[in-house]
Amino acid sequence: MLAGEVRFAALVARPDGVGHLRLSWHWDLKGALLSVETTLAAGVPAPSIVDIYPGADWAEREAHEYYAVAFEGRDSTAPLMLREGDAVGILLGPEGRLQ
């Protein structure tokens, strides 16, 4: 993808309605939008792309904070939006599960 001049555009995380999380990576290829989607079960990490596409850092940190997504290959995810004392997964239900 790097050789083809594909740029990272966005990472979208959203519940799928049955207790899983849907992740969509969006890419720009010379003005055409490409998407790759996957469904994650609770506790399953997603691959990190930050080492290849540093611009994905904020998107991965946001997904981590809002939905507690762990990204494989990342040593840590420094807080982006959370205040001190907030737990990760603030958009999860009260039991820490997707609604």
C-alpha atoms as a PDB file:
ATOM      1  CA  MET A   1       0.000   0.000   0.000  1.00  0.00           C
ATOM      2  CA  LEU A   2       2.886   2.344   0.712  1.00  0.00           C
ATOM      3  CA  ALA A   3       4.351   1.746  -2.731  1.00  0.00           C
ATOM      4  CA  GLY A   4       0.959   2.495  -4.286  1.00  0.00           C
ATOM      5  CA  GLU A   5       0.750   5.902  -2.584  1.00  0.00           C
ATOM      6  CA  VAL A   6      -2.202   4.904  -0.410  1.00  0.00           C
ATOM      7  CA  ARG A   7      -2.825   7.251   2.514  1.00  0.00           C
ATOM      8  CA  PHE A   8      -4.492   6.356   5.798  1.00  0.00           C
ATOM      9  CA  ALA A   9      -7.724   8.364   6.116  1.00  0.00           C
ATOM     10  CA  ALA A  10      -9.647   7.111   9.169  1.00  0.00           C
ATOM     11  CA  LEU A  11     -10.370   4.312  11.594  1.00  0.00           C
ATOM     12  CA  VAL A  12     -14.004   3.943  12.672  1.00  0.00           C
ATOM     13  CA  ALA A  13     -15.074   1.752  15.595  1.00  0.00           C
ATOM     14  CA  ARG A  14     -18.732   0.942  16.214  1.00  0.00           C
ATOM     15  CA  PRO A  15     -20.798  -1.709  18.005  1.00  0.00           C
ATOM     16  CA  ASP A  16     -22.435  -4.251  15.693  1.00  0.00           C
ATOM     17  CA  GLY A  17     -25.513  -4.767  17.866  1.00  0.00           C
ATOM     18  CA  VAL A  18     -24.700  -8.321  18.979  1.00  0.00           C
ATOM     19  CA  GLY A  19     -21.879  -7.633  21.426  1.00  0.00           C
ATOM     20  CA  HIS A  20     -18.971  -7.322  19.013  1.00  0.00           C
ATOM     21  CA  LEU A  21     -17.075  -4.332  17.722  1.00  0.00           C
ATOM     22  CA  ARG A  22     -16.794  -3.445  14.050  1.00  0.00           C
ATOM     23  CA  LEU A  23     -13.554  -1.730  12.969  1.00  0.00           C
ATOM     24  CA  SER A  24     -13.275  -0.050   9.569  1.00  0.00           C
ATOM     25  CA  TRP A  25      -9.963   1.248   8.241  1.00  0.00           C
ATOM     26  CA  HIS A  26     -10.387   3.784   5.428  1.00  0.00           C
ATOM     27  CA  TRP A  27      -7.711   4.576   2.868  1.00  0.00           C
ATOM     28  CA  ASP A  28      -7.342   7.181   0.134  1.00  0.00           C
ATOM     29  CA  LEU A  29      -5.896   5.973  -3.155  1.00  0.00           C
ATOM     30  CA  LYS A  30      -5.562   8.991  -5.442  1.00  0.00           C
ATOM     31  CA  GLY A  31      -9.047  10.216  -4.513  1.00  0.00           C
ATOM     32  CA  ALA A  32     -10.754   6.803  -4.297  1.00  0.00           C
ATOM     33  CA  LEU A  33     -11.879   5.664  -0.840  1.00  0.00           C
ATOM     34  CA  LEU A  34     -10.988   2.085   0.064  1.00  0.00           C
ATOM     35  CA  SER A  35     -12.242   0.328   3.197  1.00  0.00           C
ATOM     36  CA  VAL A  36     -11.190  -2.749   5.141  1.00  0.00           C
ATOM     37  CA  GLU A  37     -13.542  -4.012   7.858  1.00  0.00           C
ATOM     38  CA  THR A  38     -13.304  -6.604  10.586  1.00  0.00           C
ATOM     39  CA  THR A  39     -15.380  -7.690  13.561  1.00  0.00           C
ATOM     40  CA  LEU A  40     -13.695  -8.119  16.935  1.00  0.00           C
ATOM     41  CA  ALA A  41     -14.958 -10.215  19.809  1.00  0.00           C
ATOM     42  CA  ALA A  42     -14.384  -8.858  23.320  1.00  0.00           C
ATOM     43  CA  GLY A  43     -10.733  -9.018  24.352  1.00  0.00           C
ATOM     44  CA  VAL A  44      -9.379  -9.742  20.866  1.00  0.00           C
ATOM     45  CA  PRO A  45      -6.667  -7.265  19.829  1.00  0.00           C
ATOM     46  CA  ALA A  46      -6.631  -5.492  16.474  1.00  0.00           C
ATOM     47  CA  PRO A  47      -3.428  -5.070  14.477  1.00  0.00           C
ATOM     48  CA  SER A  48      -1.750  -1.702  14.921  1.00  0.00           C
ATOM     49  CA  ILE A  49      -0.690   0.135  11.780  1.00  0.00           C
ATOM     50  CA  VAL A  50       1.094   3.004  13.549  1.00  0.00           C
ATOM     51  CA  ASP A  51       4.567   1.691  12.741  1.00  0.00           C
ATOM     52  CA  ILE A  52       3.730   1.975   9.015  1.00  0.00           C
ATOM     53  CA  TYR A  53       1.193   4.834   9.094  1.00  0.00           C
ATOM     54  CA  PRO A  54       2.059   7.167  12.016  1.00  0.00           C
ATOM     55  CA  GLY A  55      -1.055   9.241  11.249  1.00  0.00           C
ATOM     56  CA  ALA A  56      -3.166   6.385  12.616  1.00  0.00           C
ATOM     57  CA  ASP A  57      -1.883   7.061  16.143  1.00  0.00           C
ATOM     58  CA  TRP A  58      -4.760   9.297  17.250  1.00  0.00           C
ATOM     59  CA  ALA A  59      -7.389   7.027  15.683  1.00  0.00           C
ATOM     60  CA  GLU A  60      -6.020   3.968  17.506  1.00  0.00           C
ATOM     61  CA  ARG A  61      -5.815   5.888  20.791  1.00  0.00           C
ATOM     62  CA  GLU A  62      -9.413   7.054  20.366  1.00  0.00           C
ATOM     63  CA  ALA A  63     -10.650   3.494  19.676  1.00  0.00           C
ATOM     64  CA  HIS A  64      -8.739   2.326  22.747  1.00  0.00           C
ATOM     65  CA  GLU A  65     -10.231   4.995  25.009  1.00  0.00           C
ATOM     66  CA  TYR A  66     -13.814   4.788  23.767  1.00  0.00           C
ATOM     67  CA  TYR A  67     -14.130   1.023  23.192  1.00  0.00           C
ATOM     68  CA  ALA A  68     -11.123  -0.488  25.043  1.00  0.00           C
ATOM     69  CA  VAL A  69      -9.663  -1.867  21.804  1.00  0.00           C
ATOM     70  CA  ALA A  70      -6.175  -3.250  22.368  1.00  0.00           C
ATOM     71  CA  PHE A  71      -3.823  -2.876  19.416  1.00  0.00           C
ATOM     72  CA  GLU A  72      -1.211  -5.558  18.854  1.00  0.00           C
ATOM     73  CA  GLY A  73       2.275  -4.178  18.468  1.00  0.00           C
ATOM     74  CA  ARG A  74       1.736  -1.027  20.554  1.00  0.00           C
ATOM     75  CA  ASP A  75       3.664  -0.732  23.780  1.00  0.00           C
ATOM     76  CA  SER A  76       1.237   1.795  25.225  1.00  0.00           C
ATOM     77  CA  THR A  77      -1.558   4.129  24.340  1.00  0.00           C
ATOM     78  CA  ALA A  78      -1.080   7.495  26.019  1.00  0.00           C
ATOM     79  CA  PRO A  79      -4.348   9.240  26.969  1.00  0.00           C
ATOM     80  CA  LEU A  80      -5.850  11.347  24.229  1.00  0.00           C
ATOM     81  CA  MET A  81      -9.293  12.449  25.455  1.00  0.00           C
ATOM     82  CA  LEU A  82      -9.685  10.786  28.844  1.00  0.00           C
ATOM     83  CA  ARG A  83      -9.292  12.760  32.021  1.00  0.00           C
ATOM     84  CA  GLU A  84      -7.235  11.484  34.915  1.00  0.00           C
ATOM     85  CA  GLY A  85      -9.158   8.700  36.635  1.00  0.00           C
ATOM     86  CA  ASP A  86     -11.357   7.817  33.639  1.00  0.00           C
ATOM     87  CA  ALA A  87     -11.322   4.142  32.699  1.00  0.00           C
ATOM     88  CA  VAL A  88     -10.809   3.074  29.092  1.00  0.00           C
ATOM     89  CA  GLY A  89     -13.925   1.898  27.303  1.00  0.00           C
ATOM     90  CA  ILE A  90     -16.117   4.873  28.220  1.00  0.00           C
ATOM     91  CA  LEU A  91     -18.616   4.031  25.428  1.00  0.00           C
ATOM     92  CA  LEU A  92     -19.082   0.485  26.684  1.00  0.00           C
ATOM     93  CA  GLY A  93     -22.057  -0.369  28.853  1.00  0.00           C
ATOM     94  CA  PRO A  94     -21.968  -0.370  32.673  1.00  0.00           C
ATOM     95  CA  GLU A  95     -20.696  -3.969  32.717  1.00  0.00           C
ATOM     96  CA  GLY A  96     -17.851  -3.069  30.353  1.00  0.00           C
ATOM     97  CA  ARG A  97     -19.563  -4.795  27.414  1.00  0.00           C
ATOM     98  CA  LEU A  98     -20.886  -3.467  24.156  1.00  0.00           C
ATOM     99  CA  GLN A  99     -24.621  -2.845  24.275  1.00  0.00           C
END
